[in-house]
Amino acid sequence: MRADEFYATAEDGIIRIPEKYKNKKSFKVMVLEDFRLNREEANDKRKSDLLLPPTMDTKGWKFNREVANER
């Protein structure tokens, strides 16, 4: 199996494949989200928003020191 990659944008859930693949009958498709921001998206977001640490909902969570320190 030969691996190749190309970048595409989905439009209404459809991804257009390049012409060089049109004659192929079968594919193994792997979809990876592109996390690079374009200029407009980058301008809309503040840098601090991009660098915020992950948050965790601790509502209803009880800390048990004895259990945490057991060996």
C-alpha atoms as a PDB file:
ATOM      1  CA  MET A   1       0.000   0.000   0.000  1.00  0.00           C
ATOM      2  CA  ARG A   2       1.315   3.420  -0.905  1.00  0.00           C
ATOM      3  CA  ALA A   3       0.569   6.403   1.316  1.00  0.00           C
ATOM      4  CA  ASP A   4      -0.017   9.822  -0.174  1.00  0.00           C
ATOM      5  CA  GLU A   5      -1.542  12.960   1.254  1.00  0.00           C
ATOM      6  CA  PHE A   6      -3.325  16.047   0.046  1.00  0.00           C
ATOM      7  CA  TYR A   7      -5.182  18.886   1.727  1.00  0.00           C
ATOM      8  CA  ALA A   8      -8.862  19.431   1.073  1.00  0.00           C
ATOM      9  CA  THR A   9     -11.753  21.414   2.471  1.00  0.00           C
ATOM     10  CA  ALA A  10     -15.082  19.702   3.017  1.00  0.00           C
ATOM     11  CA  GLU A  11     -18.084  21.421   1.462  1.00  0.00           C
ATOM     12  CA  ASP A  12     -21.441  20.106   2.674  1.00  0.00           C
ATOM     13  CA  GLY A  13     -19.698  16.927   3.819  1.00  0.00           C
ATOM     14  CA  ILE A  14     -18.061  16.304   0.429  1.00  0.00           C
ATOM     15  CA  ILE A  15     -14.292  16.173  -0.098  1.00  0.00           C
ATOM     16  CA  ARG A  16     -13.092  16.466  -3.673  1.00  0.00           C
ATOM     17  CA  ILE A  17     -10.207  14.156  -4.536  1.00  0.00           C
ATOM     18  CA  PRO A  18      -7.438  15.281  -6.912  1.00  0.00           C
ATOM     19  CA  GLU A  19      -7.586  14.290 -10.585  1.00  0.00           C
ATOM     20  CA  LYS A  20      -4.658  11.861 -10.262  1.00  0.00           C
ATOM     21  CA  TYR A  21      -6.832   9.612  -8.025  1.00  0.00           C
ATOM     22  CA  LYS A  22      -9.960   9.640 -10.230  1.00  0.00           C
ATOM     23  CA  ASN A  23      -9.050   6.376 -12.010  1.00  0.00           C
ATOM     24  CA  LYS A  24      -8.429   4.452  -8.778  1.00  0.00           C
ATOM     25  CA  LYS A  25     -11.163   2.049  -7.707  1.00  0.00           C
ATOM     26  CA  SER A  26     -10.468   1.620  -4.009  1.00  0.00           C
ATOM     27  CA  PHE A  27      -8.995   3.741  -1.265  1.00  0.00           C
ATOM     28  CA  LYS A  28      -8.205   3.536   2.388  1.00  0.00           C
ATOM     29  CA  VAL A  29      -9.324   6.908   3.724  1.00  0.00           C
ATOM     30  CA  MET A  30      -8.005   8.465   6.911  1.00  0.00           C
ATOM     31  CA  VAL A  31      -9.412  11.824   7.994  1.00  0.00           C
ATOM     32  CA  LEU A  32      -7.269  14.079  10.170  1.00  0.00           C
ATOM     33  CA  GLU A  33      -8.461  17.481  11.288  1.00  0.00           C
ATOM     34  CA  ASP A  34      -6.103  20.289  10.287  1.00  0.00           C
ATOM     35  CA  PHE A  35      -5.452  22.385  13.385  1.00  0.00           C
ATOM     36  CA  ARG A  36      -3.629  25.167  11.600  1.00  0.00           C
ATOM     37  CA  LEU A  37      -5.569  28.407  11.785  1.00  0.00           C
ATOM     38  CA  ASN A  38      -6.052  30.624   8.777  1.00  0.00           C
ATOM     39  CA  ARG A  39      -5.433  34.348   9.168  1.00  0.00           C
ATOM     40  CA  GLU A  40      -9.066  35.294   9.741  1.00  0.00           C
ATOM     41  CA  GLU A  41      -9.504  32.690  12.476  1.00  0.00           C
ATOM     42  CA  ALA A  42      -6.220  33.695  14.099  1.00  0.00           C
ATOM     43  CA  ASN A  43      -7.266  37.341  14.126  1.00  0.00           C
ATOM     44  CA  ASP A  44     -10.592  36.437  15.716  1.00  0.00           C
ATOM     45  CA  LYS A  45      -8.949  34.576  18.576  1.00  0.00           C
ATOM     46  CA  ARG A  46      -6.753  36.209  21.173  1.00  0.00           C
ATOM     47  CA  LYS A  47      -3.405  34.550  21.798  1.00  0.00           C
ATOM     48  CA  SER A  48      -4.355  34.052  25.428  1.00  0.00           C
ATOM     49  CA  ASP A  49      -7.402  32.028  24.334  1.00  0.00           C
ATOM     50  CA  LEU A  50      -5.142  29.666  22.398  1.00  0.00           C
ATOM     51  CA  LEU A  51      -2.841  29.119  25.392  1.00  0.00           C
ATOM     52  CA  LEU A  52      -5.397  28.498  28.144  1.00  0.00           C
ATOM     53  CA  PRO A  53      -4.851  25.315  30.167  1.00  0.00           C
ATOM     54  CA  PRO A  54      -7.498  22.609  30.017  1.00  0.00           C
ATOM     55  CA  THR A  55     -10.212  22.838  32.658  1.00  0.00           C
ATOM     56  CA  MET A  56     -11.863  20.090  34.661  1.00  0.00           C
ATOM     57  CA  ASP A  57     -15.309  20.108  36.250  1.00  0.00           C
ATOM     58  CA  THR A  58     -14.792  19.154  39.918  1.00  0.00           C
ATOM     59  CA  LYS A  59     -18.353  19.770  41.044  1.00  0.00           C
ATOM     60  CA  GLY A  60     -19.422  16.865  43.250  1.00  0.00           C
ATOM     61  CA  TRP A  61     -15.864  15.462  43.443  1.00  0.00           C
ATOM     62  CA  LYS A  62     -14.542  14.741  46.946  1.00  0.00           C
ATOM     63  CA  PHE A  63     -10.843  14.532  47.713  1.00  0.00           C
ATOM     64  CA  ASN A  64      -9.793  11.687  50.000  1.00  0.00           C
ATOM     65  CA  ARG A  65      -6.282  12.327  51.329  1.00  0.00           C
ATOM     66  CA  GLU A  66      -5.879   8.805  52.752  1.00  0.00           C
ATOM     67  CA  VAL A  67      -6.690   7.153  49.452  1.00  0.00           C
ATOM     68  CA  ALA A  68      -4.429   9.578  47.595  1.00  0.00           C
ATOM     69  CA  ASN A  69      -1.477   8.826  49.895  1.00  0.00           C
ATOM     70  CA  GLU A  70      -1.848   5.018  49.977  1.00  0.00           C
ATOM     71  CA  ARG A  71       1.106   3.067  48.678  1.00  0.00           C
END
